[in-house]
Amino acid sequence: MAGEKQAREVLETLAEAWIEVQPSEVLRATAERLLAVHPLRASDSFQLAAALQWCQRQSKGMSLVSFDTRLRDAAYREGFTVTP
């Protein structure tokens, strides 16, 4: 229980700073393009599409954090700095 409480507190703190990208036709179209050019899962294509929308497609100098190899590779090819 203590671990869950701590995790929820961390999540609440992070939620104050994050930006949510809402679904839209533009986001869906971008996700579909990403699926056509990268070997991604559908959920990963939406995550990368949201990142591209967030940075207004100016990914140079922007970072994306992921431990998923396919998402990391696609993000790198789309111009993001990938960490870790």
Protein backbone atom coordinates (compact mmCIF):
# COMPACT_ATOMS: atom_id res chain seq x y z
CA MET A 1 0.00 0.00 0.00
CA ALA A 2 2.79 2.45 0.81
CA GLY A 3 4.37 1.91 -2.60
CA GLU A 4 1.07 2.53 -4.34
CA LYS A 5 0.50 5.73 -2.35
CA GLN A 6 3.96 6.97 -3.22
CA ALA A 7 3.45 6.15 -6.91
CA ARG A 8 0.13 8.04 -6.95
CA GLU A 9 1.76 11.07 -5.31
CA VAL A 10 4.53 11.09 -7.93
CA LEU A 11 1.94 10.76 -10.70
CA GLU A 12 -0.11 13.65 -9.30
CA THR A 13 3.02 15.83 -9.18
CA LEU A 14 3.93 14.97 -12.76
CA ALA A 15 0.35 15.59 -13.93
CA GLU A 16 0.72 19.24 -12.96
CA ALA A 17 3.48 19.68 -15.55
CA TRP A 18 2.56 17.45 -18.48
CA ILE A 19 0.70 18.49 -21.59
CA GLU A 20 -2.04 16.24 -22.95
CA VAL A 21 -2.49 16.06 -26.70
CA GLN A 22 -6.13 15.37 -27.50
CA PRO A 23 -7.20 13.01 -30.29
CA SER A 24 -8.02 14.68 -33.59
CA GLU A 25 -8.20 13.89 -37.28
CA VAL A 26 -4.74 15.42 -37.76
CA LEU A 27 -3.33 13.20 -35.01
CA ARG A 28 -4.95 10.12 -36.54
CA ALA A 29 -3.65 10.97 -40.01
CA THR A 30 -0.14 11.46 -38.62
CA ALA A 31 -0.36 8.13 -36.77
CA GLU A 32 -1.43 6.42 -40.00
CA ARG A 33 1.52 7.95 -41.87
CA LEU A 34 3.87 6.76 -39.14
CA LEU A 35 2.47 3.24 -39.41
CA ALA A 36 3.11 3.29 -43.15
CA VAL A 37 6.77 4.29 -42.84
CA HIS A 38 7.89 2.71 -39.54
CA PRO A 39 7.39 -0.80 -38.08
CA LEU A 40 5.36 0.50 -35.11
CA ARG A 41 2.43 -0.79 -33.10
CA ALA A 42 -0.71 1.34 -33.43
CA SER A 43 -0.41 2.67 -29.87
CA ASP A 44 3.22 3.66 -30.45
CA SER A 45 2.32 5.46 -33.66
CA PHE A 46 -0.23 7.53 -31.72
CA GLN A 47 2.36 8.31 -29.05
CA LEU A 48 4.87 9.46 -31.65
CA ALA A 49 2.17 11.39 -33.54
CA ALA A 50 1.26 13.18 -30.30
CA ALA A 51 4.91 14.06 -29.74
CA LEU A 52 5.14 15.45 -33.26
CA GLN A 53 1.98 17.48 -32.74
CA TRP A 54 3.26 18.78 -29.40
CA CYS A 55 6.47 20.12 -30.97
CA GLN A 56 4.59 21.34 -34.08
CA ARG A 57 6.64 18.90 -36.20
CA GLN A 58 9.84 20.71 -35.18
CA SER A 59 11.43 17.65 -33.58
CA LYS A 60 15.06 18.75 -33.95
CA GLY A 61 16.39 19.40 -30.46
CA MET A 62 13.36 17.77 -28.81
CA SER A 63 13.71 14.66 -26.69
CA LEU A 64 11.55 11.57 -26.54
CA VAL A 65 11.95 9.05 -23.73
CA SER A 66 11.21 5.43 -24.50
CA PHE A 67 12.59 1.99 -23.76
CA ASP A 68 10.77 0.44 -26.75
CA THR A 69 13.24 -0.25 -29.56
CA ARG A 70 10.78 0.26 -32.42
CA LEU A 71 9.45 3.52 -30.99
CA ARG A 72 12.97 4.75 -30.27
CA ASP A 73 14.10 4.01 -33.84
CA ALA A 74 11.05 5.70 -35.38
CA ALA A 75 11.39 8.75 -33.12
CA TYR A 76 15.05 9.07 -34.05
CA ARG A 77 14.19 8.87 -37.75
CA GLU A 78 11.53 11.54 -37.21
CA GLY A 79 14.22 13.84 -35.80
CA PHE A 80 13.91 13.45 -32.03
CA THR A 81 16.80 13.02 -29.66
CA VAL A 82 15.98 9.71 -27.98
CA THR A 83 16.77 9.00 -24.34
CA PRO A 84 17.95 7.14 -22.39
